[in-house]
Amino acid sequence: MTAKTIRFYEAIGLLKAAARQNNGYRVYAETDVATVRFIKQARSLGFSTRDIATLLNLWHDRDRASADVRALAERHVSDIERRIVELQAVRQTLMDLVHRCHGDDRPQCPILEGIARSAN
């Protein structure tokens, strides 16, 4: 994770600001490193920044119910499934346009025509 990303996570409150050495370099405790790894993994799973903040709070709350974590993950899975359906529809539309395009030296292009028609 880049320093810029870490500074961003500090600025939005996902990560507490690191202590500084006399030379200005940041010093991270092992718990900070674990939190950065947690954030990175949650991002790789596609969780939003808002959901990551919720997950971090749940992770640190030892009195939390696992049902809360599960509910958040299930909502995320539902969002992913909805996006998959949308992307499949986009893919099918593009495939149809590609199949209609001759891909030769003629200027007529069903792909561009289809995009222009959809823009109206």
PDB file of N, CA and C in Angstrom:
ATOM      1  N   MET A   1       0.861  -1.171   0.000  1.00  0.00           N
ATOM      2  CA  MET A   1       0.000   0.000   0.000  1.00  0.00           C
ATOM      3  C   MET A   1       0.907   1.233   0.000  1.00  0.00           C
ATOM      4  N   THR A   2       0.551   2.187  -0.817  1.00  0.00           N
ATOM      5  CA  THR A   2       1.396   3.374  -0.941  1.00  0.00           C
ATOM      6  C   THR A   2       1.232   4.303   0.267  1.00  0.00           C
ATOM      7  N   ALA A   3       2.215   5.162   0.452  1.00  0.00           N
ATOM      8  CA  ALA A   3       2.159   6.144   1.541  1.00  0.00           C
ATOM      9  C   ALA A   3       0.964   7.081   1.347  1.00  0.00           C
ATOM     10  N   LYS A   4       0.683   7.414   0.093  1.00  0.00           N
ATOM     11  CA  LYS A   4      -0.457   8.302  -0.202  1.00  0.00           C
ATOM     12  C   LYS A   4      -1.767   7.640   0.229  1.00  0.00           C
ATOM     13  N   THR A   5      -1.895   6.353  -0.024  1.00  0.00           N
ATOM     14  CA  THR A   5      -3.103   5.627   0.374  1.00  0.00           C
ATOM     15  C   THR A   5      -3.225   5.584   1.893  1.00  0.00           C
ATOM     16  N   ILE A   6      -2.117   5.337   2.557  1.00  0.00           N
ATOM     17  CA  ILE A   6      -2.132   5.301   4.025  1.00  0.00           C
ATOM     18  C   ILE A   6      -2.517   6.665   4.578  1.00  0.00           C
ATOM     19  N   ARG A   7      -1.978   7.736   4.015  1.00  0.00           N
ATOM     20  CA  ARG A   7      -2.346   9.084   4.461  1.00  0.00           C
ATOM     21  C   ARG A   7      -3.836   9.339   4.231  1.00  0.00           C
ATOM     22  N   PHE A   8      -4.367   8.845   3.098  1.00  0.00           N
ATOM     23  CA  PHE A   8      -5.792   8.994   2.826  1.00  0.00           C
ATOM     24  C   PHE A   8      -6.607   8.269   3.896  1.00  0.00           C
ATOM     25  N   TYR A   9      -6.232   7.035   4.225  1.00  0.00           N
ATOM     26  CA  TYR A   9      -6.960   6.282   5.246  1.00  0.00           C
ATOM     27  C   TYR A   9      -6.864   6.959   6.611  1.00  0.00           C
ATOM     28  N   GLU A  10      -5.749   7.594   6.885  1.00  0.00           N
ATOM     29  CA  GLU A  10      -5.623   8.370   8.122  1.00  0.00           C
ATOM     30  C   GLU A  10      -6.571   9.575   8.077  1.00  0.00           C
ATOM     31  N   ALA A  11      -6.601  10.251   6.942  1.00  0.00           N
ATOM     32  CA  ALA A  11      -7.420  11.465   6.811  1.00  0.00           C
ATOM     33  C   ALA A  11      -8.906  11.178   6.955  1.00  0.00           C
ATOM     34  N   ILE A  12      -9.360  10.012   6.495  1.00  0.00           N
ATOM     35  CA  ILE A  12     -10.789   9.707   6.579  1.00  0.00           C
ATOM     36  C   ILE A  12     -11.133   8.908   7.838  1.00  0.00           C
ATOM     37  N   GLY A  13     -10.125   8.638   8.655  1.00  0.00           N
ATOM     38  CA  GLY A  13     -10.390   8.021   9.942  1.00  0.00           C
ATOM     39  C   GLY A  13     -10.391   6.498   9.984  1.00  0.00           C
ATOM     40  N   LEU A  14     -10.011   5.840   8.893  1.00  0.00           N
ATOM     41  CA  LEU A  14      -9.932   4.378   8.943  1.00  0.00           C
ATOM     42  C   LEU A  14      -8.705   3.912   9.722  1.00  0.00           C
ATOM     43  N   LEU A  15      -7.708   4.737   9.730  1.00  0.00           N
ATOM     44  CA  LEU A  15      -6.436   4.411  10.378  1.00  0.00           C
ATOM     45  C   LEU A  15      -6.038   5.586  11.254  1.00  0.00           C
ATOM     46  N   LYS A  16      -5.642   5.283  12.481  1.00  0.00           N
ATOM     47  CA  LYS A  16      -5.225   6.398  13.347  1.00  0.00           C
ATOM     48  C   LYS A  16      -3.902   6.967  12.846  1.00  0.00           C
ATOM     49  N   ALA A  17      -3.722   8.257  13.068  1.00  0.00           N
ATOM     50  CA  ALA A  17      -2.493   8.911  12.622  1.00  0.00           C
ATOM     51  C   ALA A  17      -1.297   8.288  13.329  1.00  0.00           C
ATOM     52  N   ALA A  18      -0.268   8.040  12.550  1.00  0.00           N
ATOM     53  CA  ALA A  18       0.926   7.389  13.090  1.00  0.00           C
ATOM     54  C   ALA A  18       1.754   8.375  13.910  1.00  0.00           C
ATOM     55  N   ALA A  19       2.461   7.815  14.874  1.00  0.00           N
ATOM     56  CA  ALA A  19       3.418   8.619  15.634  1.00  0.00           C
ATOM     57  C   ALA A  19       4.549   9.018  14.696  1.00  0.00           C
ATOM     58  N   ARG A  20       5.246  10.080  15.055  1.00  0.00           N
ATOM     59  CA  ARG A  20       6.343  10.563  14.211  1.00  0.00           C
ATOM     60  C   ARG A  20       7.669  10.497  14.966  1.00  0.00           C
ATOM     61  N   GLN A  21       8.693  10.130  14.247  1.00  0.00           N
ATOM     62  CA  GLN A  21      10.041  10.196  14.791  1.00  0.00           C
ATOM     63  C   GLN A  21      10.543  11.630  14.687  1.00  0.00           C
ATOM     64  N   ASN A  22      11.673  11.920  15.283  1.00  0.00           N
ATOM     65  CA  ASN A  22      12.232  13.277  15.223  1.00  0.00           C
ATOM     66  C   ASN A  22      12.496  13.719  13.787  1.00  0.00           C
ATOM     67  N   ASN A  23      12.820  12.774  12.917  1.00  0.00           N
ATOM     68  CA  ASN A  23      13.104  13.113  11.524  1.00  0.00           C
ATOM     69  C   ASN A  23      11.838  13.240  10.678  1.00  0.00           C
ATOM     70  N   GLY A  24      10.664  13.061  11.294  1.00  0.00           N
ATOM     71  CA  GLY A  24       9.397  13.223  10.595  1.00  0.00           C
ATOM     72  C   GLY A  24       8.825  11.950  10.019  1.00  0.00           C
ATOM     73  N   TYR A  25       9.596  10.867  10.048  1.00  0.00           N
ATOM     74  CA  TYR A  25       9.085   9.599   9.530  1.00  0.00           C
ATOM     75  C   TYR A  25       8.006   9.044  10.447  1.00  0.00           C
ATOM     76  N   ARG A  26       7.027   8.418   9.828  1.00  0.00           N
ATOM     77  CA  ARG A  26       5.951   7.799  10.606  1.00  0.00           C
ATOM     78  C   ARG A  26       6.446   6.492  11.220  1.00  0.00           C
ATOM     79  N   VAL A  27       5.907   6.210  12.412  1.00  0.00           N
ATOM     80  CA  VAL A  27       6.221   4.965  13.097  1.00  0.00           C
ATOM     81  C   VAL A  27       4.910   4.236  13.333  1.00  0.00           C
ATOM     82  N   TYR A  28       4.837   3.008  12.844  1.00  0.00           N
ATOM     83  CA  TYR A  28       3.614   2.227  12.974  1.00  0.00           C
ATOM     84  C   TYR A  28       3.824   1.072  13.938  1.00  0.00           C
ATOM     85  N   ALA A  29       2.859   0.900  14.825  1.00  0.00           N
ATOM     86  CA  ALA A  29       2.871  -0.239  15.737  1.00  0.00           C
ATOM     87  C   ALA A  29       2.360  -1.464  14.986  1.00  0.00           C
ATOM     88  N   GLU A  30       2.577  -2.632  15.559  1.00  0.00           N
ATOM     89  CA  GLU A  30       2.121  -3.873  14.938  1.00  0.00           C
ATOM     90  C   GLU A  30       0.598  -3.861  14.719  1.00  0.00           C
ATOM     91  N   THR A  31      -0.126  -3.245  15.655  1.00  0.00           N
ATOM     92  CA  THR A  31      -1.592  -3.164  15.484  1.00  0.00           C
ATOM     93  C   THR A  31      -1.961  -2.302  14.283  1.00  0.00           C
ATOM     94  N   ASP A  32      -1.170  -1.250  14.032  1.00  0.00           N
ATOM     95  CA  ASP A  32      -1.401  -0.410  12.852  1.00  0.00           C
ATOM     96  C   ASP A  32      -1.176  -1.210  11.565  1.00  0.00           C
ATOM     97  N   VAL A  33      -0.129  -2.015  11.560  1.00  0.00           N
ATOM     98  CA  VAL A  33       0.178  -2.849  10.398  1.00  0.00           C
ATOM     99  C   VAL A  33      -0.952  -3.850  10.170  1.00  0.00           C
ATOM    100  N   ALA A  34      -1.453  -4.438  11.245  1.00  0.00           N
ATOM    101  CA  ALA A  34      -2.565  -5.386  11.130  1.00  0.00           C
ATOM    102  C   ALA A  34      -3.809  -4.680  10.577  1.00  0.00           C
ATOM    103  N   THR A  35      -4.048  -3.460  11.005  1.00  0.00           N
ATOM    104  CA  THR A  35      -5.196  -2.696  10.516  1.00  0.00           C
ATOM    105  C   THR A  35      -5.043  -2.380   9.031  1.00  0.00           C
ATOM    106  N   VAL A  36      -3.842  -1.997   8.607  1.00  0.00           N
ATOM    107  CA  VAL A  36      -3.593  -1.725   7.189  1.00  0.00           C
ATOM    108  C   VAL A  36      -3.840  -2.987   6.368  1.00  0.00           C
ATOM    109  N   ARG A  37      -3.369  -4.118   6.856  1.00  0.00           N
ATOM    110  CA  ARG A  37      -3.590  -5.382   6.151  1.00  0.00           C
ATOM    111  C   ARG A  37      -5.084  -5.715   6.074  1.00  0.00           C
ATOM    112  N   PHE A  38      -5.793  -5.459   7.162  1.00  0.00           N
ATOM    113  CA  PHE A  38      -7.240  -5.688   7.204  1.00  0.00           C
ATOM    114  C   PHE A  38      -7.933  -4.829   6.144  1.00  0.00           C
ATOM    115  N   ILE A  39      -7.584  -3.547   6.117  1.00  0.00           N
ATOM    116  CA  ILE A  39      -8.177  -2.620   5.152  1.00  0.00           C
ATOM    117  C   ILE A  39      -7.873  -3.078   3.721  1.00  0.00           C
ATOM    118  N   LYS A  40      -6.631  -3.440   3.481  1.00  0.00           N
ATOM    119  CA  LYS A  40      -6.226  -3.882   2.143  1.00  0.00           C
ATOM    120  C   LYS A  40      -7.024  -5.111   1.708  1.00  0.00           C
ATOM    121  N   GLN A  41      -7.194  -6.076   2.595  1.00  0.00           N
ATOM    122  CA  GLN A  41      -7.955  -7.274   2.263  1.00  0.00           C
ATOM    123  C   GLN A  41      -9.434  -6.951   2.035  1.00  0.00           C
ATOM    124  N   ALA A  42      -9.988  -6.091   2.877  1.00  0.00           N
ATOM    125  CA  ALA A  42     -11.398  -5.698   2.702  1.00  0.00           C
ATOM    126  C   ALA A  42     -11.586  -4.985   1.369  1.00  0.00           C
ATOM    127  N   ARG A  43     -10.639  -4.134   0.995  1.00  0.00           N
ATOM    128  CA  ARG A  43     -10.713  -3.453  -0.310  1.00  0.00           C
ATOM    129  C   ARG A  43     -10.638  -4.467  -1.439  1.00  0.00           C
ATOM    130  N   SER A  44      -9.771  -5.476  -1.296  1.00  0.00           N
ATOM    131  CA  SER A  44      -9.643  -6.474  -2.363  1.00  0.00           C
ATOM    132  C   SER A  44     -10.925  -7.297  -2.511  1.00  0.00           C
ATOM    133  N   LEU A  45     -11.716  -7.374  -1.454  1.00  0.00           N
ATOM    134  CA  LEU A  45     -13.014  -8.047  -1.521  1.00  0.00           C
ATOM    135  C   LEU A  45     -14.118  -7.124  -2.023  1.00  0.00           C
ATOM    136  N   GLY A  46     -13.753  -5.876  -2.292  1.00  0.00           N
ATOM    137  CA  GLY A  46     -14.695  -4.939  -2.889  1.00  0.00           C
ATOM    138  C   GLY A  46     -15.554  -4.161  -1.917  1.00  0.00           C
ATOM    139  N   PHE A  47     -15.250  -4.217  -0.636  1.00  0.00           N
ATOM    140  CA  PHE A  47     -16.040  -3.452   0.334  1.00  0.00           C
ATOM    141  C   PHE A  47     -15.780  -1.969   0.147  1.00  0.00           C
ATOM    142  N   SER A  48     -16.814  -1.178   0.349  1.00  0.00           N
ATOM    143  CA  SER A  48     -16.700   0.278   0.260  1.00  0.00           C
ATOM    144  C   SER A  48     -15.959   0.796   1.489  1.00  0.00           C
ATOM    145  N   THR A  49     -15.524   2.030   1.390  1.00  0.00           N
ATOM    146  CA  THR A  49     -14.842   2.666   2.524  1.00  0.00           C
ATOM    147  C   THR A  49     -15.757   2.701   3.744  1.00  0.00           C
ATOM    148  N   ARG A  50     -17.014   2.998   3.515  1.00  0.00           N
ATOM    149  CA  ARG A  50     -17.980   3.042   4.617  1.00  0.00           C
ATOM    150  C   ARG A  50     -18.135   1.668   5.267  1.00  0.00           C
ATOM    151  N   ASP A  51     -18.234   0.630   4.444  1.00  0.00           N
ATOM    152  CA  ASP A  51     -18.342  -0.721   4.988  1.00  0.00           C
ATOM    153  C   ASP A  51     -17.066  -1.144   5.705  1.00  0.00           C
ATOM    154  N   ILE A  52     -15.928  -0.711   5.195  1.00  0.00           N
ATOM    155  CA  ILE A  52     -14.664  -1.039   5.859  1.00  0.00           C
ATOM    156  C   ILE A  52     -14.621  -0.396   7.235  1.00  0.00           C
ATOM    157  N   ALA A  53     -15.100   0.827   7.350  1.00  0.00           N
ATOM    158  CA  ALA A  53     -15.151   1.474   8.666  1.00  0.00           C
ATOM    159  C   ALA A  53     -16.026   0.661   9.617  1.00  0.00           C
ATOM    160  N   THR A  54     -17.157   0.186   9.127  1.00  0.00           N
ATOM    161  CA  THR A  54     -18.041  -0.644   9.947  1.00  0.00           C
ATOM    162  C   THR A  54     -17.354  -1.945  10.324  1.00  0.00           C
ATOM    163  N   LEU A  55     -16.701  -2.576   9.340  1.00  0.00           N
ATOM    164  CA  LEU A  55     -15.989  -3.830   9.616  1.00  0.00           C
ATOM    165  C   LEU A  55     -14.882  -3.633  10.641  1.00  0.00           C
ATOM    166  N   LEU A  56     -14.158  -2.530  10.532  1.00  0.00           N
ATOM    167  CA  LEU A  56     -13.095  -2.250  11.518  1.00  0.00           C
ATOM    168  C   LEU A  56     -13.676  -2.111  12.918  1.00  0.00           C
ATOM    169  N   ASN A  57     -14.794  -1.390  13.021  1.00  0.00           N
ATOM    170  CA  ASN A  57     -15.437  -1.243  14.331  1.00  0.00           C
ATOM    171  C   ASN A  57     -15.873  -2.599  14.876  1.00  0.00           C
ATOM    172  N   LEU A  58     -16.431  -3.427  14.007  1.00  0.00           N
ATOM    173  CA  LEU A  58     -16.850  -4.762  14.440  1.00  0.00           C
ATOM    174  C   LEU A  58     -15.653  -5.628  14.813  1.00  0.00           C
ATOM    175  N   TRP A  59     -14.574  -5.500  14.065  1.00  0.00           N
ATOM    176  CA  TRP A  59     -13.347  -6.269  14.329  1.00  0.00           C
ATOM    177  C   TRP A  59     -12.767  -5.933  15.701  1.00  0.00           C
ATOM    178  N   HIS A  60     -12.821  -4.657  16.051  1.00  0.00           N
ATOM    179  CA  HIS A  60     -12.256  -4.215  17.330  1.00  0.00           C
ATOM    180  C   HIS A  60     -13.213  -4.423  18.508  1.00  0.00           C
ATOM    181  N   ASP A  61     -14.477  -4.616  18.222  1.00  0.00           N
ATOM    182  CA  ASP A  61     -15.484  -4.801  19.265  1.00  0.00           C
ATOM    183  C   ASP A  61     -15.606  -6.287  19.598  1.00  0.00           C
ATOM    184  N   ARG A  62     -15.008  -6.698  20.688  1.00  0.00           N
ATOM    185  CA  ARG A  62     -15.010  -8.118  21.060  1.00  0.00           C
ATOM    186  C   ARG A  62     -16.370  -8.564  21.606  1.00  0.00           C
ATOM    187  N   ASP A  63     -17.278  -7.616  21.863  1.00  0.00           N
ATOM    188  CA  ASP A  63     -18.617  -7.960  22.345  1.00  0.00           C
ATOM    189  C   ASP A  63     -19.643  -7.985  21.213  1.00  0.00           C
ATOM    190  N   ARG A  64     -19.188  -7.824  19.980  1.00  0.00           N
ATOM    191  CA  ARG A  64     -20.093  -7.785  18.844  1.00  0.00           C
ATOM    192  C   ARG A  64     -20.668  -9.171  18.570  1.00  0.00           C
ATOM    193  N   ALA A  65     -21.787  -9.159  17.892  1.00  0.00           N
ATOM    194  CA  ALA A  65     -22.400 -10.414  17.459  1.00  0.00           C
ATOM    195  C   ALA A  65     -21.912 -10.712  16.045  1.00  0.00           C
ATOM    196  N   SER A  66     -21.561 -11.955  15.784  1.00  0.00           N
ATOM    197  CA  SER A  66     -21.104 -12.306  14.436  1.00  0.00           C
ATOM    198  C   SER A  66     -22.225 -12.110  13.416  1.00  0.00           C
ATOM    199  N   ALA A  67     -23.466 -12.104  13.893  1.00  0.00           N
ATOM    200  CA  ALA A  67     -24.599 -11.873  12.988  1.00  0.00           C
ATOM    201  C   ALA A  67     -24.504 -10.503  12.319  1.00  0.00           C
ATOM    202  N   ASP A  68     -23.950  -9.519  13.029  1.00  0.00           N
ATOM    203  CA  ASP A  68     -23.789  -8.186  12.445  1.00  0.00           C
ATOM    204  C   ASP A  68     -22.798  -8.219  11.286  1.00  0.00           C
ATOM    205  N   VAL A  69     -21.722  -8.956  11.474  1.00  0.00           N
ATOM    206  CA  VAL A  69     -20.706  -9.079  10.433  1.00  0.00           C
ATOM    207  C   VAL A  69     -21.290  -9.836   9.239  1.00  0.00           C
ATOM    208  N   ARG A  70     -21.979 -10.910   9.534  1.00  0.00           N
ATOM    209  CA  ARG A  70     -22.585 -11.716   8.472  1.00  0.00           C
ATOM    210  C   ARG A  70     -23.586 -10.907   7.652  1.00  0.00           C
ATOM    211  N   ALA A  71     -24.416 -10.120   8.325  1.00  0.00           N
ATOM    212  CA  ALA A  71     -25.414  -9.314   7.627  1.00  0.00           C
ATOM    213  C   ALA A  71     -24.743  -8.332   6.663  1.00  0.00           C
ATOM    214  N   LEU A  72     -23.671  -7.707   7.094  1.00  0.00           N
ATOM    215  CA  LEU A  72     -22.945  -6.780   6.239  1.00  0.00           C
ATOM    216  C   LEU A  72     -22.365  -7.523   5.035  1.00  0.00           C
ATOM    217  N   ALA A  73     -21.766  -8.681   5.266  1.00  0.00           N
ATOM    218  CA  ALA A  73     -21.187  -9.473   4.182  1.00  0.00           C
ATOM    219  C   ALA A  73     -22.266  -9.958   3.217  1.00  0.00           C
ATOM    220  N   GLU A  74     -23.411 -10.352   3.729  1.00  0.00           N
ATOM    221  CA  GLU A  74     -24.506 -10.797   2.861  1.00  0.00           C
ATOM    222  C   GLU A  74     -25.022  -9.661   1.987  1.00  0.00           C
ATOM    223  N   ARG A  75     -25.115  -8.458   2.543  1.00  0.00           N
ATOM    224  CA  ARG A  75     -25.514  -7.297   1.739  1.00  0.00           C
ATOM    225  C   ARG A  75     -24.504  -7.055   0.615  1.00  0.00           C
ATOM    226  N   HIS A  76     -23.238  -7.212   0.956  1.00  0.00           N
ATOM    227  CA  HIS A  76     -22.184  -7.009  -0.036  1.00  0.00           C
ATOM    228  C   HIS A  76     -22.278  -8.060  -1.151  1.00  0.00           C
ATOM    229  N   VAL A  77     -22.526  -9.301  -0.786  1.00  0.00           N
ATOM    230  CA  VAL A  77     -22.693 -10.364  -1.783  1.00  0.00           C
ATOM    231  C   VAL A  77     -23.878 -10.036  -2.690  1.00  0.00           C
ATOM    232  N   SER A  78     -24.972  -9.560  -2.121  1.00  0.00           N
ATOM    233  CA  SER A  78     -26.147  -9.189  -2.925  1.00  0.00           C
ATOM    234  C   SER A  78     -25.804  -8.076  -3.909  1.00  0.00           C
ATOM    235  N   ASP A  79     -25.035  -7.082  -3.453  1.00  0.00           N
ATOM    236  CA  ASP A  79     -24.612  -5.998  -4.343  1.00  0.00           C
ATOM    237  C   ASP A  79     -23.752  -6.533  -5.486  1.00  0.00           C
ATOM    238  N   ILE A  80     -22.849  -7.447  -5.161  1.00  0.00           N
ATOM    239  CA  ILE A  80     -21.978  -8.040  -6.179  1.00  0.00           C
ATOM    240  C   ILE A  80     -22.814  -8.808  -7.201  1.00  0.00           C
ATOM    241  N   GLU A  81     -23.780  -9.582  -6.716  1.00  0.00           N
ATOM    242  CA  GLU A  81     -24.640 -10.342  -7.628  1.00  0.00           C
ATOM    243  C   GLU A  81     -25.435  -9.424  -8.549  1.00  0.00           C
ATOM    244  N   ARG A  82     -25.921  -8.304  -8.016  1.00  0.00           N
ATOM    245  CA  ARG A  82     -26.651  -7.329  -8.837  1.00  0.00           C
ATOM    246  C   ARG A  82     -25.727  -6.747  -9.901  1.00  0.00           C
ATOM    247  N   ARG A  83     -24.498  -6.405  -9.515  1.00  0.00           N
ATOM    248  CA  ARG A  83     -23.547  -5.844 -10.477  1.00  0.00           C
ATOM    249  C   ARG A  83     -23.166  -6.857 -11.551  1.00  0.00           C
ATOM    250  N   ILE A  84     -23.065  -8.129 -11.166  1.00  0.00           N
ATOM    251  CA  ILE A  84     -22.756  -9.178 -12.146  1.00  0.00           C
ATOM    252  C   ILE A  84     -23.851  -9.233 -13.207  1.00  0.00           C
ATOM    253  N   VAL A  85     -25.106  -9.183 -12.771  1.00  0.00           N
ATOM    254  CA  VAL A  85     -26.231  -9.203 -13.721  1.00  0.00           C
ATOM    255  C   VAL A  85     -26.135  -7.997 -14.657  1.00  0.00           C
ATOM    256  N   GLU A  86     -25.852  -6.821 -14.092  1.00  0.00           N
ATOM    257  CA  GLU A  86     -25.734  -5.618 -14.913  1.00  0.00           C
ATOM    258  C   GLU A  86     -24.585  -5.743 -15.907  1.00  0.00           C
ATOM    259  N   LEU A  87     -23.440  -6.255 -15.454  1.00  0.00           N
ATOM    260  CA  LEU A  87     -22.286  -6.411 -16.337  1.00  0.00           C
ATOM    261  C   LEU A  87     -22.541  -7.447 -17.430  1.00  0.00           C
ATOM    262  N   GLN A  88     -23.277  -8.500 -17.101  1.00  0.00           N
ATOM    263  CA  GLN A  88     -23.617  -9.492 -18.117  1.00  0.00           C
ATOM    264  C   GLN A  88     -24.490  -8.877 -19.201  1.00  0.00           C
ATOM    265  N   ALA A  89     -25.405  -8.001 -18.813  1.00  0.00           N
ATOM    266  CA  ALA A  89     -26.250  -7.318 -19.794  1.00  0.00           C
ATOM    267  C   ALA A  89     -25.406  -6.393 -20.675  1.00  0.00           C
ATOM    268  N   VAL A  90     -24.471  -5.690 -20.078  1.00  0.00           N
ATOM    269  CA  VAL A  90     -23.576  -4.810 -20.838  1.00  0.00           C
ATOM    270  C   VAL A  90     -22.740  -5.648 -21.804  1.00  0.00           C
ATOM    271  N   ARG A  91     -22.225  -6.750 -21.323  1.00  0.00           N
ATOM    272  CA  ARG A  91     -21.413  -7.647 -22.155  1.00  0.00           C
ATOM    273  C   ARG A  91     -22.221  -8.139 -23.351  1.00  0.00           C
ATOM    274  N   GLN A  92     -23.448  -8.554 -23.109  1.00  0.00           N
ATOM    275  CA  GLN A  92     -24.289  -9.059 -24.190  1.00  0.00           C
ATOM    276  C   GLN A  92     -24.559  -7.978 -25.226  1.00  0.00           C
ATOM    277  N   THR A  93     -24.843  -6.774 -24.784  1.00  0.00           N
ATOM    278  CA  THR A  93     -25.073  -5.663 -25.703  1.00  0.00           C
ATOM    279  C   THR A  93     -23.844  -5.411 -26.562  1.00  0.00           C
ATOM    280  N   LEU A  94     -22.668  -5.377 -25.911  1.00  0.00           N
ATOM    281  CA  LEU A  94     -21.427  -5.142 -26.664  1.00  0.00           C
ATOM    282  C   LEU A  94     -21.135  -6.283 -27.633  1.00  0.00           C
ATOM    283  N   MET A  95     -21.366  -7.503 -27.207  1.00  0.00           N
ATOM    284  CA  MET A  95     -21.142  -8.644 -28.087  1.00  0.00           C
ATOM    285  C   MET A  95     -22.050  -8.559 -29.311  1.00  0.00           C
ATOM    286  N   ASP A  96     -23.305  -8.189 -29.113  1.00  0.00           N
ATOM    287  CA  ASP A  96     -24.242  -8.028 -30.233  1.00  0.00           C
ATOM    288  C   ASP A  96     -23.742  -6.961 -31.201  1.00  0.00           C
ATOM    289  N   LEU A  97     -23.272  -5.850 -30.669  1.00  0.00           N
ATOM    290  CA  LEU A  97     -22.757  -4.774 -31.522  1.00  0.00           C
ATOM    291  C   LEU A  97     -21.503  -5.222 -32.269  1.00  0.00           C
ATOM    292  N   VAL A  98     -20.614  -5.917 -31.598  1.00  0.00           N
ATOM    293  CA  VAL A  98     -19.381  -6.403 -32.228  1.00  0.00           C
ATOM    294  C   VAL A  98     -19.709  -7.378 -33.360  1.00  0.00           C
ATOM    295  N   HIS A  99     -20.654  -8.263 -33.124  1.00  0.00           N
ATOM    296  CA  HIS A  99     -21.026  -9.238 -34.159  1.00  0.00           C
ATOM    297  C   HIS A  99     -21.659  -8.565 -35.385  1.00  0.00           C
ATOM    298  N   ARG A 100     -22.292  -7.422 -35.184  1.00  0.00           N
ATOM    299  CA  ARG A 100     -22.930  -6.711 -36.296  1.00  0.00           C
ATOM    300  C   ARG A 100     -21.936  -5.849 -37.069  1.00  0.00           C
ATOM    301  N   CYS A 101     -20.761  -5.624 -36.484  1.00  0.00           N
ATOM    302  CA  CYS A 101     -19.752  -4.782 -37.132  1.00  0.00           C
ATOM    303  C   CYS A 101     -18.898  -5.632 -38.066  1.00  0.00           C
ATOM    304  N   HIS A 102     -18.730  -5.152 -39.295  1.00  0.00           N
ATOM    305  CA  HIS A 102     -17.938  -5.891 -40.289  1.00  0.00           C
ATOM    306  C   HIS A 102     -16.441  -5.785 -40.003  1.00  0.00           C
ATOM    307  N   GLY A 103     -16.025  -4.716 -39.369  1.00  0.00           N
ATOM    308  CA  GLY A 103     -14.605  -4.548 -39.040  1.00  0.00           C
ATOM    309  C   GLY A 103     -13.734  -4.419 -40.278  1.00  0.00           C
ATOM    310  N   ASP A 104     -14.245  -3.758 -41.292  1.00  0.00           N
ATOM    311  CA  ASP A 104     -13.486  -3.595 -42.528  1.00  0.00           C
ATOM    312  C   ASP A 104     -13.202  -2.111 -42.770  1.00  0.00           C
ATOM    313  N   ASP A 105     -12.970  -1.762 -44.036  1.00  0.00           N
ATOM    314  CA  ASP A 105     -12.601  -0.381 -44.380  1.00  0.00           C
ATOM    315  C   ASP A 105     -13.806   0.546 -44.547  1.00  0.00           C
ATOM    316  N   ARG A 106     -15.025  -0.007 -44.483  1.00  0.00           N
ATOM    317  CA  ARG A 106     -16.211   0.827 -44.629  1.00  0.00           C
ATOM    318  C   ARG A 106     -16.387   1.726 -43.398  1.00  0.00           C
ATOM    319  N   PRO A 107     -16.943   2.911 -43.576  1.00  0.00           N
ATOM    320  CA  PRO A 107     -17.124   3.820 -42.442  1.00  0.00           C
ATOM    321  C   PRO A 107     -18.313   3.458 -41.549  1.00  0.00           C
ATOM    322  N   GLN A 108     -19.262   2.679 -42.076  1.00  0.00           N
ATOM    323  CA  GLN A 108     -20.430   2.325 -41.277  1.00  0.00           C
ATOM    324  C   GLN A 108     -19.974   1.428 -40.114  1.00  0.00           C
ATOM    325  N   CYS A 109     -20.425   1.795 -38.930  1.00  0.00           N
ATOM    326  CA  CYS A 109     -20.014   1.023 -37.751  1.00  0.00           C
ATOM    327  C   CYS A 109     -21.198   0.865 -36.805  1.00  0.00           C
ATOM    328  N   PRO A 110     -21.763  -0.328 -36.719  1.00  0.00           N
ATOM    329  CA  PRO A 110     -22.891  -0.569 -35.814  1.00  0.00           C
ATOM    330  C   PRO A 110     -22.549  -0.314 -34.347  1.00  0.00           C
ATOM    331  N   ILE A 111     -21.285  -0.431 -34.001  1.00  0.00           N
ATOM    332  CA  ILE A 111     -20.889  -0.183 -32.605  1.00  0.00           C
ATOM    333  C   ILE A 111     -21.112   1.290 -32.264  1.00  0.00           C
ATOM    334  N   LEU A 112     -20.564   2.165 -33.114  1.00  0.00           N
ATOM    335  CA  LEU A 112     -20.730   3.604 -32.875  1.00  0.00           C
ATOM    336  C   LEU A 112     -22.184   4.022 -32.984  1.00  0.00           C
ATOM    337  N   GLU A 113     -22.893   3.449 -33.958  1.00  0.00           N
ATOM    338  CA  GLU A 113     -24.320   3.759 -34.123  1.00  0.00           C
ATOM    339  C   GLU A 113     -25.116   3.324 -32.891  1.00  0.00           C
ATOM    340  N   GLY A 114     -24.794   2.150 -32.362  1.00  0.00           N
ATOM    341  CA  GLY A 114     -25.485   1.644 -31.168  1.00  0.00           C
ATOM    342  C   GLY A 114     -25.224   2.513 -29.952  1.00  0.00           C
ATOM    343  N   ILE A 115     -23.992   2.951 -29.814  1.00  0.00           N
ATOM    344  CA  ILE A 115     -23.645   3.828 -28.677  1.00  0.00           C
ATOM    345  C   ILE A 115     -24.364   5.165 -28.816  1.00  0.00           C
ATOM    346  N   ALA A 116     -24.350   5.711 -30.038  1.00  0.00           N
ATOM    347  CA  ALA A 116     -25.015   7.010 -30.263  1.00  0.00           C
ATOM    348  C   ALA A 116     -26.520   6.890 -30.032  1.00  0.00           C
ATOM    349  N   ARG A 117     -27.115   5.771 -30.452  1.00  0.00           N
ATOM    350  CA  ARG A 117     -28.552   5.572 -30.280  1.00  0.00           C
ATOM    351  C   ARG A 117     -28.893   5.471 -28.779  1.00  0.00           C
ATOM    352  N   SER A 118     -28.056   4.824 -28.009  1.00  0.00           N
ATOM    353  CA  SER A 118     -28.289   4.667 -26.579  1.00  0.00           C
ATOM    354  C   SER A 118     -28.116   5.971 -25.825  1.00  0.00           C
ATOM    355  N   ALA A 119     -27.344   6.886 -26.389  1.00  0.00           N
ATOM    356  CA  ALA A 119     -27.084   8.160 -25.714  1.00  0.00           C
ATOM    357  C   ALA A 119     -28.293   9.090 -25.778  1.00  0.00           C
ATOM    358  N   ASN A 120     -29.213   8.834 -26.647  1.00  0.00           N
ATOM    359  CA  ASN A 120     -30.387   9.720 -26.804  1.00  0.00           C
ATOM    360  C   ASN A 120     -31.446   9.422 -25.804  1.00  0.00           C
TER     361      ASN A 120
END
